Protein backbone atom coordinates (compact mmCIF):
# COMPACT_ATOMS: atom_id res chain seq x y z
CA MET A 1 0.26 -0.16 0.14
CA GLU A 2 3.07 2.19 0.43
CA GLU A 3 4.54 1.62 -2.64
CA PHE A 4 0.93 3.01 -4.54
CA ASN A 5 0.88 5.63 -2.07
CA HIS A 6 4.23 6.86 -3.22
CA SER A 7 3.85 6.52 -6.76
CA ARG A 8 -0.03 7.70 -6.75
CA VAL A 9 -0.59 9.71 -9.91
CA SER A 10 -0.63 13.86 -9.26
CA GLU A 11 -2.74 14.90 -11.82
CA PHE A 12 -5.41 13.43 -14.35
CA VAL A 13 -5.15 14.36 -18.33
CA LEU A 14 -8.99 15.14 -19.69
CA LEU A 15 -9.42 14.07 -23.37
CA GLY A 16 -12.11 16.81 -23.21
CA LEU A 17 -15.23 16.55 -26.10
CA THR A 18 -13.30 16.55 -29.05
CA ASP A 19 -9.73 17.43 -30.63
CA SER A 20 -10.56 18.77 -33.52
CA PRO A 21 -9.71 22.69 -33.65
CA GLU A 22 -12.73 24.15 -35.62
CA LEU A 23 -15.13 22.02 -33.29
CA GLN A 24 -13.43 23.21 -30.13
CA ILE A 25 -13.77 26.87 -31.18
CA PHE A 26 -17.11 26.34 -31.92
CA PHE A 27 -18.01 24.65 -28.88
CA PHE A 28 -16.08 27.52 -26.97
CA VAL A 29 -18.65 29.82 -28.42
CA ILE A 30 -21.55 27.56 -27.77
CA PHE A 31 -21.08 26.49 -23.94
CA SER A 32 -19.65 29.85 -23.14
CA VAL A 33 -23.33 31.68 -24.25
CA PHE A 34 -25.32 28.67 -22.52
CA TYR A 35 -23.22 29.22 -19.48
CA LEU A 36 -23.75 32.70 -19.29
CA ILE A 37 -27.91 32.45 -19.77
CA THR A 38 -28.17 29.46 -17.24
CA MET A 39 -25.92 31.95 -14.56
CA LEU A 40 -27.75 35.04 -15.76
CA GLY A 41 -31.64 33.26 -15.62
CA ASN A 42 -31.14 31.04 -12.83
CA CYS A 43 -29.78 34.26 -10.58
CA LEU A 44 -32.99 36.10 -11.78
CA ILE A 45 -35.44 33.41 -10.89
CA LEU A 46 -33.78 33.04 -7.79
CA LEU A 47 -33.66 37.07 -6.95
CA THR A 48 -37.26 37.53 -8.43
CA VAL A 49 -38.84 34.94 -5.92
CA LEU A 50 -36.70 36.62 -3.60
CA SER A 51 -37.71 39.93 -3.67
CA THR A 52 -41.33 39.32 -5.11
CA PRO A 53 -43.98 39.22 -1.85
CA HIS A 54 -46.20 37.27 -3.44
CA LEU A 55 -44.33 34.36 -4.79
CA HIS A 56 -43.20 33.75 -1.24
CA SER A 57 -44.87 30.29 -1.24
CA PRO A 58 -43.53 26.68 -0.79
CA MET A 59 -43.62 26.26 -4.66
CA TYR A 60 -41.75 29.39 -5.22
CA PHE A 61 -39.35 28.69 -2.38
CA LEU A 62 -38.35 25.24 -3.76
CA LEU A 63 -37.94 26.68 -7.36
CA SER A 64 -35.50 29.30 -5.86
CA ASN A 65 -33.32 26.56 -4.45
CA LEU A 66 -33.55 24.68 -7.76
CA SER A 67 -32.14 27.80 -9.34
CA LEU A 68 -29.35 27.81 -6.62
CA ILE A 69 -28.41 23.98 -7.45
CA ASP A 70 -28.52 24.67 -10.96
CA ILE A 71 -26.07 27.50 -10.45
CA CYS A 72 -23.95 25.11 -8.43
CA LEU A 73 -24.59 22.20 -11.04
CA SER A 74 -23.53 24.32 -13.99
CA SER A 75 -20.62 25.62 -12.29
CA PHE A 76 -18.47 22.58 -11.16
CA ALA A 77 -17.02 22.09 -14.24
CA THR A 78 -18.03 24.04 -16.81
CA PRO A 79 -16.10 27.16 -16.58
CA LYS A 80 -12.74 24.80 -16.60
CA MET A 81 -14.20 22.92 -19.89
CA ILE A 82 -14.58 26.29 -21.72
CA MET A 83 -10.93 27.51 -20.53
CA ASP A 84 -9.95 24.34 -21.66
CA PHE A 85 -10.55 24.28 -25.38
CA PHE A 86 -7.86 26.44 -25.56
CA ALA A 87 -5.91 24.49 -23.34
CA LYS A 88 -2.80 22.51 -25.31
CA HIS A 89 -2.70 19.89 -22.10
CA LYS A 90 -5.81 19.55 -20.49
CA THR A 91 -5.18 18.55 -17.13
CA ILE A 92 -6.44 18.51 -13.38
CA SER A 93 -5.01 17.92 -10.03
CA PHE A 94 -6.03 14.63 -8.25
CA GLU A 95 -7.44 16.92 -5.36
CA GLY A 96 -9.35 18.77 -8.02
CA CYS A 97 -10.52 15.55 -9.78
CA ILE A 98 -11.59 14.42 -6.49
CA SER A 99 -13.10 17.69 -5.89
CA GLN A 100 -15.56 17.53 -9.25
CA ILE A 101 -17.03 14.00 -8.11
CA PHE A 102 -17.69 15.45 -4.55
CA PHE A 103 -19.53 18.29 -5.94
CA LEU A 104 -21.04 16.71 -9.07
CA HIS A 105 -22.69 13.80 -6.48
CA LEU A 106 -23.79 16.40 -4.06
CA PHE A 107 -25.42 18.30 -6.41
CA THR A 108 -27.10 15.68 -8.41
CA GLY A 109 -28.07 14.45 -4.85
CA THR A 110 -29.44 16.97 -3.70
CA GLU A 111 -31.21 17.65 -6.90
CA ILE A 112 -32.56 14.46 -6.88
CA VAL A 113 -34.51 14.96 -3.17
CA LEU A 114 -35.53 18.63 -4.04
CA LEU A 115 -37.81 17.32 -7.09
CA ILE A 116 -38.86 14.68 -5.27
CA SER A 117 -40.27 17.73 -2.49
CA MET A 118 -41.43 19.73 -5.36
CA SER A 119 -43.43 16.56 -6.91
CA PHE A 120 -45.18 16.54 -3.08
CA ASP A 121 -45.96 19.96 -2.91
CA ARG A 122 -48.04 19.48 -6.07
CA TYR A 123 -49.45 16.37 -5.12
CA ILE A 124 -50.64 18.32 -1.79
CA ALA A 125 -51.61 21.55 -3.65
CA ILE A 126 -53.94 19.50 -6.34
CA CYS A 127 -54.71 16.41 -4.76
CA LYS A 128 -55.30 17.55 -0.96
CA PRO A 129 -56.01 21.71 -1.72
CA LEU A 130 -57.66 21.81 2.21
CA HIS A 131 -54.82 20.80 4.15
CA TYR A 132 -52.51 22.37 1.63
CA SER A 133 -51.56 25.63 4.30
CA THR A 134 -51.30 23.31 6.96
CA ILE A 135 -49.18 20.61 5.41
CA MET A 136 -46.69 23.03 3.53
CA ASN A 137 -46.18 25.01 6.00
CA GLN A 138 -42.72 27.14 6.47
CA ARG A 139 -41.25 24.25 8.54
CA VAL A 140 -41.41 21.96 6.44
CA CYS A 141 -40.39 23.76 3.29
CA VAL A 142 -37.17 24.20 5.21
CA GLY A 143 -37.43 20.98 6.59
CA LEU A 144 -37.32 19.35 2.81
CA VAL A 145 -34.08 21.96 1.52
CA VAL A 146 -31.89 20.94 4.42
CA THR A 147 -32.93 17.18 3.84
CA SER A 148 -31.90 17.40 0.09
CA TRP A 149 -28.60 19.07 0.83
CA THR A 150 -28.05 16.36 3.73
CA VAL A 151 -28.98 13.77 1.48
CA GLY A 152 -26.47 14.91 -1.48
CA PHE A 153 -24.01 15.40 1.34
CA LEU A 154 -24.49 11.69 2.32
CA HIS A 155 -24.60 10.53 -0.50
CA THR A 156 -21.35 11.91 -2.01
CA THR A 157 -19.40 11.18 1.03
CA SER A 158 -20.26 7.49 0.65
CA GLN A 159 -19.05 7.67 -3.08
CA LEU A 160 -15.68 9.43 -2.00
CA ALA A 161 -14.97 7.12 0.79
CA PHE A 162 -14.98 4.50 -1.67
CA THR A 163 -12.78 5.89 -4.21
CA LEU A 164 -10.06 7.69 -1.76
CA TYR A 165 -8.73 4.84 -0.55
CA LEU A 166 -8.04 3.69 -4.08
CA PRO A 167 -4.54 3.19 -5.32
CA PHE A 168 -3.68 5.23 -8.68
CA CYS A 169 -0.51 4.74 -9.79
CA GLY A 170 -1.16 4.93 -13.53
CA PRO A 171 -2.39 5.78 -16.40
CA ASN A 172 -4.34 8.45 -16.00
CA VAL A 173 -6.42 9.58 -18.93
CA VAL A 174 -10.02 10.14 -18.28
CA ASP A 175 -12.03 10.41 -21.28
CA SER A 176 -14.18 13.13 -20.69
CA PHE A 177 -13.67 16.95 -19.82
CA PHE A 178 -14.67 16.28 -16.29
CA CYS A 179 -13.96 13.75 -13.70
CA ASP A 180 -16.91 11.16 -13.04
CA LEU A 181 -17.08 8.38 -10.41
CA PRO A 182 -17.46 5.60 -13.49
CA LEU A 183 -14.81 7.08 -15.44
CA VAL A 184 -12.06 7.51 -12.65
CA ILE A 185 -12.30 4.23 -10.47
CA GLN A 186 -11.54 2.57 -13.95
CA LEU A 187 -7.48 4.08 -13.75
CA ALA A 188 -6.95 2.34 -10.55
CA CYS A 189 -4.48 -0.13 -9.93
CA ILE A 190 -6.48 -3.01 -8.32
CA ASP A 191 -8.94 -4.93 -9.64
CA ILE A 192 -12.31 -3.01 -8.60
CA TYR A 193 -14.53 -4.33 -11.53
CA VAL A 194 -17.40 -6.21 -9.13
CA LEU A 195 -17.14 -3.25 -5.99
CA GLY A 196 -17.11 -0.48 -8.49
CA ILE A 197 -20.10 -2.31 -10.23
CA PHE A 198 -22.11 -2.17 -7.27
CA MET A 199 -21.15 1.00 -6.22
CA ILE A 200 -21.61 2.97 -9.03
CA SER A 201 -25.21 1.11 -10.00
CA THR A 202 -26.38 2.28 -6.32
CA SER A 203 -26.67 5.77 -8.10
CA GLY A 204 -27.96 4.39 -11.07
CA VAL A 205 -30.82 2.43 -9.06
CA ILE A 206 -31.26 5.60 -6.57
CA ALA A 207 -31.95 7.61 -10.08
CA LEU A 208 -34.15 4.89 -11.38
CA VAL A 209 -36.59 4.28 -8.12
CA SER A 210 -36.83 8.16 -7.71
CA PHE A 211 -38.02 8.21 -11.42
CA LEU A 212 -40.36 5.79 -10.98
CA LEU A 213 -41.50 7.28 -7.65
CA LEU A 214 -41.88 11.32 -9.39
CA LEU A 215 -43.84 9.44 -12.29
CA THR A 216 -46.11 7.83 -10.27
CA SER A 217 -46.91 10.95 -8.27
CA TYR A 218 -47.15 12.62 -11.33
CA ILE A 219 -49.79 10.31 -12.76
CA ILE A 220 -51.88 10.43 -10.04
CA VAL A 221 -51.68 14.41 -10.08
CA LEU A 222 -52.47 14.04 -13.72
CA VAL A 223 -55.20 11.56 -13.06
CA THR A 224 -56.88 13.92 -10.00
CA ILE A 225 -56.55 16.94 -12.54
CA LYS A 226 -58.42 15.24 -15.34
CA ASP A 227 -61.12 13.76 -12.74
CA ARG A 228 -61.84 17.18 -11.18
CA SER A 229 -63.03 20.23 -12.37
CA PHE A 230 -62.16 23.35 -10.25
CA THR A 231 -60.45 26.71 -10.94
CA GLY A 232 -56.75 26.56 -11.99
CA THR A 233 -56.99 23.02 -13.66
CA SER A 234 -55.19 24.20 -16.74
CA LYS A 235 -52.32 26.17 -14.81
CA ALA A 236 -52.05 22.95 -12.58
CA PHE A 237 -51.75 21.11 -15.41
CA SER A 238 -49.48 23.31 -17.03
CA THR A 239 -47.11 23.66 -14.02
CA CYS A 240 -46.92 19.71 -13.61
CA THR A 241 -46.10 19.45 -16.94
CA ALA A 242 -43.51 21.74 -16.65
CA HIS A 243 -42.25 20.06 -13.54
CA PHE A 244 -42.04 16.47 -15.47
CA ILE A 245 -39.98 18.16 -18.41
CA VAL A 246 -37.24 19.09 -15.56
CA VAL A 247 -37.31 15.28 -14.24
CA LEU A 248 -37.16 13.86 -17.15
CA MET A 249 -34.13 15.75 -18.47
CA PHE A 250 -32.48 15.52 -15.27
CA PHE A 251 -33.12 11.59 -14.36
CA GLY A 252 -33.19 10.40 -18.11
CA PRO A 253 -29.14 10.51 -18.68
CA CYS A 254 -28.33 10.03 -14.93
CA ILE A 255 -29.76 6.49 -15.10
CA PHE A 256 -28.54 5.69 -18.59
CA ILE A 257 -24.94 6.65 -17.27
CA TYR A 258 -24.95 5.12 -13.88
CA VAL A 259 -27.44 1.97 -14.27
CA TRP A 260 -24.68 0.96 -17.17
CA PRO A 261 -21.29 1.72 -15.88
CA PHE A 262 -18.24 1.12 -17.49
CA THR A 263 -19.21 1.63 -20.93
CA ASN A 264 -16.96 3.71 -23.48
CA PHE A 265 -20.23 5.09 -25.73
CA LEU A 266 -20.12 8.28 -26.89
CA MET A 267 -23.55 8.41 -26.01
CA ASP A 268 -21.98 8.93 -22.27
CA LYS A 269 -20.07 11.77 -23.20
CA VAL A 270 -23.33 13.57 -24.78
CA LEU A 271 -25.23 12.87 -21.66
CA SER A 272 -23.04 14.43 -19.35
CA VAL A 273 -22.97 17.68 -21.18
CA PHE A 274 -27.08 17.36 -21.00
CA TYR A 275 -27.25 17.04 -17.43
CA THR A 276 -24.61 19.45 -16.31
CA ILE A 277 -24.91 21.97 -19.05
CA PHE A 278 -28.52 21.96 -20.67
CA THR A 279 -30.39 21.30 -17.54
CA PRO A 280 -29.69 23.80 -15.67
CA PHE A 281 -29.97 26.28 -18.91
CA LEU A 282 -32.95 24.47 -19.80
CA ASN A 283 -34.82 25.06 -16.28
CA PRO A 284 -34.79 28.29 -16.39
CA LEU A 285 -36.37 29.01 -19.59
CA ILE A 286 -39.09 26.28 -18.79
CA TYR A 287 -39.99 27.89 -15.64
CA THR A 288 -40.42 31.18 -17.13
CA LEU A 289 -42.34 30.53 -20.10
CA ARG A 290 -44.31 28.13 -18.77
CA ASN A 291 -45.58 30.50 -15.58
CA GLN A 292 -47.30 32.93 -15.72
CA GLU A 293 -46.73 34.32 -12.39
CA VAL A 294 -42.59 34.06 -12.61
CA LYS A 295 -43.28 35.47 -16.04
CA ILE A 296 -45.06 38.47 -14.88
CA ALA A 297 -42.56 38.86 -11.67
CA VAL A 298 -39.34 38.81 -13.90
CA LYS A 299 -41.33 41.24 -16.59
CA LYS A 300 -41.99 43.62 -13.66
CA LYS A 301 -38.85 43.62 -11.91
CA LEU A 302 -36.82 43.98 -15.27
CA THR A 303 -39.06 46.93 -16.22
CA ASN A 304 -38.24 48.61 -13.24
CA GLN A 305 -34.68 47.66 -13.33
CA SER A 306 -34.53 49.73 -16.79
CA LEU A 307 -36.65 52.63 -15.33
CA ASN A 308 -33.98 53.39 -12.52
CA LEU A 309 -31.12 53.01 -14.95
CA GLY A 310 -33.11 55.55 -17.19
CA LYS A 311 -33.56 58.28 -14.77
CA THR A 312 -31.24 61.39 -15.14
CA SER A 313 -32.22 62.36 -11.23
CA PRO A 314 -32.14 60.53 -8.69
CA ASN A 315 -34.98 62.09 -7.23
CA TYR A 316 -38.62 63.04 -9.06
CA PRO A 317 -41.38 65.04 -7.64
CA VAL A 318 -44.19 63.70 -6.59
CA GLN A 319 -47.30 64.65 -9.18
């Protein structure tokens, strides 16, 4: 073991998405724009919910936390990927690689539980509307968010507890634009195939079970909406549809990558881009374009900011 520790690799080489110079320039422009819009969109939703009193409800409280997680999820690897498009040698330190694995599983684990919490909120609002204010009080909402982060932290520490004690003495080439568990543990100097399959597939099974649970809850909600004729049916249906789109975009790639680990498909890279870049990018667009209250609040906030910037004097006389 001492020999392994002595010869442990100090850095990993990231192959990135492509080695074509033309495609690297194209991806640099595209992903830079996506990342900028992702940060601005999620920050705008977060600030809008926090600064708009009538949006201080359980659903929007959970939505603002989803935006916070998406900001974190899109930032753990994307900025380095963008900078690496112009790097001749794409490397990351051993500690940096472990940090990426830690934050990836922290944020994805947290988002899984938060999406379940959001579906629970919609279930109570539609199926038990008379008890909604009693069940989904402030204490419960804060508890759901704290639970989300706690589960995410426990999940990622359980993954790293397994990874940190593996001997890495070479090779050190990771066929992706960031470090992920299925790719990194294949580089260990011992045979960990069976144990690795078990550890990684656990993440896939968790994602699959969570997705089936969410799918069941949304089916119940949609059936309830169909059977009842009450005010706001179209709004409830639209909200649930938007939530399910987010769930499908997030869970689909996670299930595919982690249920069948140790595969070298090009599709794995595409799906990694999808749930680390595209999903955080699309979340604010889905919620602002399909949710009338958020859309009105965002427009009002942007209009007020424009008016404030257009003033030539800090004070105007009251008419």
